[in-house]
Amino acid sequence: MVGQVRLFCDNQKGSAAIEYGLIAALIALAILVALGGLADEVIAMWNSNSSKMAEAVH
C-alpha cells in the first residue's frame, strides 16, 4: 500500500499536460480580454459610419 502511494506521488507524466493546459487557458483569456476592448471600438466605428450614411441620404 505504501509503495503504491509513493508511486502515485512520484508520477510526473500528467504534469506537463496540466501545465500546457493552464498556459492555453491563460492565452485564451488574454485573447478574450483583448477582443472585448476591440469590440467596443469596432461598434463605435460602425455606429459612426451608420450615422454619416444616414446624414448623406437625407
PDB file of N, CA and C in Angstrom:
ATOM      1  N   MET A   1       0.833  -1.192   0.000  1.00  0.00           N
ATOM      2  CA  MET A   1       0.000   0.000   0.000  1.00  0.00           C
ATOM      3  C   MET A   1       0.874   1.251   0.000  1.00  0.00           C
ATOM      4  N   VAL A   2       1.889   1.261   0.879  1.00  0.00           N
ATOM      5  CA  VAL A   2       2.787   2.417   0.962  1.00  0.00           C
ATOM      6  C   VAL A   2       3.540   2.585  -0.360  1.00  0.00           C
ATOM      7  N   GLY A   3       3.913   1.473  -0.976  1.00  0.00           N
ATOM      8  CA  GLY A   3       4.612   1.516  -2.262  1.00  0.00           C
ATOM      9  C   GLY A   3       3.755   2.133  -3.354  1.00  0.00           C
ATOM     10  N   GLN A   4       2.471   1.845  -3.346  1.00  0.00           N
ATOM     11  CA  GLN A   4       1.568   2.410  -4.349  1.00  0.00           C
ATOM     12  C   GLN A   4       1.401   3.911  -4.158  1.00  0.00           C
ATOM     13  N   VAL A   5       1.343   4.360  -2.923  1.00  0.00           N
ATOM     14  CA  VAL A   5       1.228   5.788  -2.640  1.00  0.00           C
ATOM     15  C   VAL A   5       2.480   6.516  -3.113  1.00  0.00           C
ATOM     16  N   ARG A   6       3.642   5.900  -2.865  1.00  0.00           N
ATOM     17  CA  ARG A   6       4.901   6.511  -3.323  1.00  0.00           C
ATOM     18  C   ARG A   6       4.948   6.598  -4.842  1.00  0.00           C
ATOM     19  N   LEU A   7       4.508   5.521  -5.514  1.00  0.00           N
ATOM     20  CA  LEU A   7       4.470   5.548  -6.977  1.00  0.00           C
ATOM     21  C   LEU A   7       3.531   6.639  -7.489  1.00  0.00           C
ATOM     22  N   PHE A   8       2.403   6.795  -6.838  1.00  0.00           N
ATOM     23  CA  PHE A   8       1.440   7.832  -7.238  1.00  0.00           C
ATOM     24  C   PHE A   8       2.032   9.222  -7.061  1.00  0.00           C
ATOM     25  N   CYS A   9       2.709   9.459  -5.955  1.00  0.00           N
ATOM     26  CA  CYS A   9       3.294  10.768  -5.679  1.00  0.00           C
ATOM     27  C   CYS A   9       4.475  11.071  -6.588  1.00  0.00           C
ATOM     28  N   ASP A  10       5.209  10.041  -7.009  1.00  0.00           N
ATOM     29  CA  ASP A  10       6.375  10.242  -7.864  1.00  0.00           C
ATOM     30  C   ASP A  10       6.017  10.337  -9.344  1.00  0.00           C
ATOM     31  N   ASN A  11       4.810  10.002  -9.718  1.00  0.00           N
ATOM     32  CA  ASN A  11       4.399  10.009 -11.119  1.00  0.00           C
ATOM     33  C   ASN A  11       4.305  11.451 -11.621  1.00  0.00           C
ATOM     34  N   GLN A  12       5.059  11.760 -12.666  1.00  0.00           N
ATOM     35  CA  GLN A  12       5.099  13.118 -13.221  1.00  0.00           C
ATOM     36  C   GLN A  12       4.557  13.167 -14.650  1.00  0.00           C
ATOM     37  N   LYS A  13       3.933  12.114 -15.127  1.00  0.00           N
ATOM     38  CA  LYS A  13       3.505  12.038 -16.524  1.00  0.00           C
ATOM     39  C   LYS A  13       2.448  13.084 -16.879  1.00  0.00           C
ATOM     40  N   GLY A  14       1.518  13.350 -16.024  1.00  0.00           N
ATOM     41  CA  GLY A  14       0.429  14.268 -16.353  1.00  0.00           C
ATOM     42  C   GLY A  14       0.712  15.719 -16.053  1.00  0.00           C
ATOM     43  N   SER A  15       1.820  15.999 -15.397  1.00  0.00           N
ATOM     44  CA  SER A  15       2.079  17.384 -15.002  1.00  0.00           C
ATOM     45  C   SER A  15       2.340  18.287 -16.196  1.00  0.00           C
ATOM     46  N   ALA A  16       3.023  17.799 -17.216  1.00  0.00           N
ATOM     47  CA  ALA A  16       3.291  18.617 -18.401  1.00  0.00           C
ATOM     48  C   ALA A  16       1.985  18.953 -19.113  1.00  0.00           C
ATOM     49  N   ALA A  17       1.090  17.997 -19.218  1.00  0.00           N
ATOM     50  CA  ALA A  17      -0.190  18.239 -19.878  1.00  0.00           C
ATOM     51  C   ALA A  17      -1.000  19.282 -19.112  1.00  0.00           C
ATOM     52  N   ILE A  18      -0.958  19.207 -17.803  1.00  0.00           N
ATOM     53  CA  ILE A  18      -1.680  20.181 -16.987  1.00  0.00           C
ATOM     54  C   ILE A  18      -1.077  21.566 -17.162  1.00  0.00           C
ATOM     55  N   GLU A  19       0.245  21.647 -17.196  1.00  0.00           N
ATOM     56  CA  GLU A  19       0.905  22.946 -17.387  1.00  0.00           C
ATOM     57  C   GLU A  19       0.557  23.539 -18.743  1.00  0.00           C
ATOM     58  N   TYR A  20       0.590  22.707 -19.791  1.00  0.00           N
ATOM     59  CA  TYR A  20       0.228  23.200 -21.119  1.00  0.00           C
ATOM     60  C   TYR A  20      -1.238  23.632 -21.166  1.00  0.00           C
ATOM     61  N   GLY A  21      -2.087  22.920 -20.478  1.00  0.00           N
ATOM     62  CA  GLY A  21      -3.495  23.307 -20.412  1.00  0.00           C
ATOM     63  C   GLY A  21      -3.683  24.647 -19.728  1.00  0.00           C
ATOM     64  N   LEU A  22      -2.949  24.879 -18.649  1.00  0.00           N
ATOM     65  CA  LEU A  22      -3.038  26.165 -17.955  1.00  0.00           C
ATOM     66  C   LEU A  22      -2.515  27.313 -18.824  1.00  0.00           C
ATOM     67  N   ILE A  23      -1.431  27.063 -19.539  1.00  0.00           N
ATOM     68  CA  ILE A  23      -0.886  28.089 -20.434  1.00  0.00           C
ATOM     69  C   ILE A  23      -1.895  28.407 -21.532  1.00  0.00           C
ATOM     70  N   ALA A  24      -2.506  27.379 -22.115  1.00  0.00           N
ATOM     71  CA  ALA A  24      -3.508  27.596 -23.165  1.00  0.00           C
ATOM     72  C   ALA A  24      -4.706  28.368 -22.627  1.00  0.00           C
ATOM     73  N   ALA A  25      -5.126  28.074 -21.402  1.00  0.00           N
ATOM     74  CA  ALA A  25      -6.250  28.796 -20.805  1.00  0.00           C
ATOM     75  C   ALA A  25      -5.905  30.266 -20.579  1.00  0.00           C
ATOM     76  N   LEU A  26      -4.691  30.557 -20.146  1.00  0.00           N
ATOM     77  CA  LEU A  26      -4.278  31.947 -19.945  1.00  0.00           C
ATOM     78  C   LEU A  26      -4.202  32.701 -21.264  1.00  0.00           C
ATOM     79  N   ILE A  27      -3.713  32.043 -22.305  1.00  0.00           N
ATOM     80  CA  ILE A  27      -3.658  32.683 -23.616  1.00  0.00           C
ATOM     81  C   ILE A  27      -5.066  32.963 -24.126  1.00  0.00           C
ATOM     82  N   ALA A  28      -5.972  32.019 -23.966  1.00  0.00           N
ATOM     83  CA  ALA A  28      -7.360  32.214 -24.394  1.00  0.00           C
ATOM     84  C   ALA A  28      -8.006  33.361 -23.626  1.00  0.00           C
ATOM     85  N   LEU A  29      -7.727  33.454 -22.349  1.00  0.00           N
ATOM     86  CA  LEU A  29      -8.281  34.541 -21.546  1.00  0.00           C
ATOM     87  C   LEU A  29      -7.746  35.891 -22.019  1.00  0.00           C
ATOM     88  N   ALA A  30      -6.455  35.952 -22.330  1.00  0.00           N
ATOM     89  CA  ALA A  30      -5.868  37.202 -22.832  1.00  0.00           C
ATOM     90  C   ALA A  30      -6.487  37.601 -24.161  1.00  0.00           C
ATOM     91  N   ILE A  31      -6.737  36.635 -25.025  1.00  0.00           N
ATOM     92  CA  ILE A  31      -7.368  36.929 -26.314  1.00  0.00           C
ATOM     93  C   ILE A  31      -8.785  37.455 -26.111  1.00  0.00           C
ATOM     94  N   LEU A  32      -9.534  36.843 -25.215  1.00  0.00           N
ATOM     95  CA  LEU A  32     -10.903  37.297 -24.955  1.00  0.00           C
ATOM     96  C   LEU A  32     -10.930  38.720 -24.404  1.00  0.00           C
ATOM     97  N   VAL A  33     -10.019  39.045 -23.514  1.00  0.00           N
ATOM     98  CA  VAL A  33      -9.954  40.390 -22.952  1.00  0.00           C
ATOM     99  C   VAL A  33      -9.610  41.394 -24.047  1.00  0.00           C
ATOM    100  N   ALA A  34      -8.651  41.053 -24.901  1.00  0.00           N
ATOM    101  CA  ALA A  34      -8.258  41.954 -25.986  1.00  0.00           C
ATOM    102  C   ALA A  34      -9.399  42.153 -26.977  1.00  0.00           C
ATOM    103  N   LEU A  35     -10.108  41.088 -27.298  1.00  0.00           N
ATOM    104  CA  LEU A  35     -11.229  41.208 -28.230  1.00  0.00           C
ATOM    105  C   LEU A  35     -12.381  41.994 -27.621  1.00  0.00           C
ATOM    106  N   GLY A  36     -12.553  41.899 -26.319  1.00  0.00           N
ATOM    107  CA  GLY A  36     -13.607  42.681 -25.658  1.00  0.00           C
ATOM    108  C   GLY A  36     -13.359  44.171 -25.801  1.00  0.00           C
ATOM    109  N   GLY A  37     -12.134  44.599 -25.629  1.00  0.00           N
ATOM    110  CA  GLY A  37     -11.801  46.007 -25.800  1.00  0.00           C
ATOM    111  C   GLY A  37     -11.895  46.435 -27.242  1.00  0.00           C
ATOM    112  N   LEU A  38     -11.489  45.568 -28.144  1.00  0.00           N
ATOM    113  CA  LEU A  38     -11.546  45.877 -29.571  1.00  0.00           C
ATOM    114  C   LEU A  38     -12.989  45.956 -30.056  1.00  0.00           C
ATOM    115  N   ALA A  39     -13.862  45.142 -29.503  1.00  0.00           N
ATOM    116  CA  ALA A  39     -15.259  45.123 -29.920  1.00  0.00           C
ATOM    117  C   ALA A  39     -15.921  46.467 -29.673  1.00  0.00           C
ATOM    118  N   ASP A  40     -15.628  47.109 -28.568  1.00  0.00           N
ATOM    119  CA  ASP A  40     -16.213  48.416 -28.288  1.00  0.00           C
ATOM    120  C   ASP A  40     -15.794  49.442 -29.337  1.00  0.00           C
ATOM    121  N   GLU A  41     -14.542  49.390 -29.753  1.00  0.00           N
ATOM    122  CA  GLU A  41     -14.065  50.321 -30.776  1.00  0.00           C
ATOM    123  C   GLU A  41     -14.711  50.043 -32.131  1.00  0.00           C
ATOM    124  N   VAL A  42     -14.885  48.794 -32.472  1.00  0.00           N
ATOM    125  CA  VAL A  42     -15.497  48.437 -33.753  1.00  0.00           C
ATOM    126  C   VAL A  42     -16.967  48.854 -33.768  1.00  0.00           C
ATOM    127  N   ILE A  43     -17.663  48.655 -32.665  1.00  0.00           N
ATOM    128  CA  ILE A  43     -19.068  49.067 -32.578  1.00  0.00           C
ATOM    129  C   ILE A  43     -19.184  50.571 -32.730  1.00  0.00           C
ATOM    130  N   ALA A  44     -18.302  51.316 -32.082  1.00  0.00           N
ATOM    131  CA  ALA A  44     -18.323  52.778 -32.201  1.00  0.00           C
ATOM    132  C   ALA A  44     -18.053  53.205 -33.639  1.00  0.00           C
ATOM    133  N   MET A  45     -17.132  52.533 -34.317  1.00  0.00           N
ATOM    134  CA  MET A  45     -16.823  52.854 -35.709  1.00  0.00           C
ATOM    135  C   MET A  45     -18.041  52.620 -36.604  1.00  0.00           C
ATOM    136  N   TRP A  46     -18.721  51.481 -36.434  1.00  0.00           N
ATOM    137  CA  TRP A  46     -19.884  51.182 -37.263  1.00  0.00           C
ATOM    138  C   TRP A  46     -21.032  52.145 -36.964  1.00  0.00           C
ATOM    139  N   ASN A  47     -21.214  52.510 -35.707  1.00  0.00           N
ATOM    140  CA  ASN A  47     -22.257  53.483 -35.370  1.00  0.00           C
ATOM    141  C   ASN A  47     -21.961  54.836 -36.010  1.00  0.00           C
ATOM    142  N   SER A  48     -20.694  55.232 -36.008  1.00  0.00           N
ATOM    143  CA  SER A  48     -20.304  56.493 -36.643  1.00  0.00           C
ATOM    144  C   SER A  48     -20.557  56.439 -38.144  1.00  0.00           C
ATOM    145  N   ASN A  49     -20.174  55.340 -38.769  1.00  0.00           N
ATOM    146  CA  ASN A  49     -20.411  55.193 -40.203  1.00  0.00           C
ATOM    147  C   ASN A  49     -21.892  55.176 -40.524  1.00  0.00           C
ATOM    148  N   SER A  50     -22.676  54.526 -39.703  1.00  0.00           N
ATOM    149  CA  SER A  50     -24.109  54.461 -39.913  1.00  0.00           C
ATOM    150  C   SER A  50     -24.749  55.843 -39.844  1.00  0.00           C
ATOM    151  N   SER A  51     -24.339  56.637 -38.856  1.00  0.00           N
ATOM    152  CA  SER A  51     -24.916  57.969 -38.740  1.00  0.00           C
ATOM    153  C   SER A  51     -24.475  58.863 -39.895  1.00  0.00           C
ATOM    154  N   LYS A  52     -23.249  58.727 -40.364  1.00  0.00           N
ATOM    155  CA  LYS A  52     -22.781  59.512 -41.515  1.00  0.00           C
ATOM    156  C   LYS A  52     -23.538  59.119 -42.788  1.00  0.00           C
ATOM    157  N   MET A  53     -23.802  57.832 -42.965  1.00  0.00           N
ATOM    158  CA  MET A  53     -24.564  57.384 -44.121  1.00  0.00           C
ATOM    159  C   MET A  53     -25.995  57.900 -44.072  1.00  0.00           C
ATOM    160  N   ALA A  54     -26.585  57.888 -42.873  1.00  0.00           N
ATOM    161  CA  ALA A  54     -27.957  58.389 -42.723  1.00  0.00           C
ATOM    162  C   ALA A  54     -28.015  59.878 -43.047  1.00  0.00           C
ATOM    163  N   GLU A  55     -27.012  60.647 -42.628  1.00  0.00           N
ATOM    164  CA  GLU A  55     -26.968  62.089 -42.936  1.00  0.00           C
ATOM    165  C   GLU A  55     -26.799  62.317 -44.435  1.00  0.00           C
ATOM    166  N   ALA A  56     -26.013  61.490 -45.087  1.00  0.00           N
ATOM    167  CA  ALA A  56     -25.757  61.655 -46.514  1.00  0.00           C
ATOM    168  C   ALA A  56     -27.006  61.342 -47.338  1.00  0.00           C
ATOM    169  N   VAL A  57     -27.831  60.398 -46.878  1.00  0.00           N
ATOM    170  CA  VAL A  57     -29.024  60.026 -47.615  1.00  0.00           C
ATOM    171  C   VAL A  57     -30.096  61.097 -47.497  1.00  0.00           C
ATOM    172  N   HIS A  58     -30.195  61.720 -46.347  1.00  0.00           N
ATOM    173  CA  HIS A  58     -31.258  62.714 -46.139  1.00  0.00           C
ATOM    174  C   HIS A  58     -30.821  64.064 -46.476  1.00  0.00           C
TER     175      HIS A  58
END
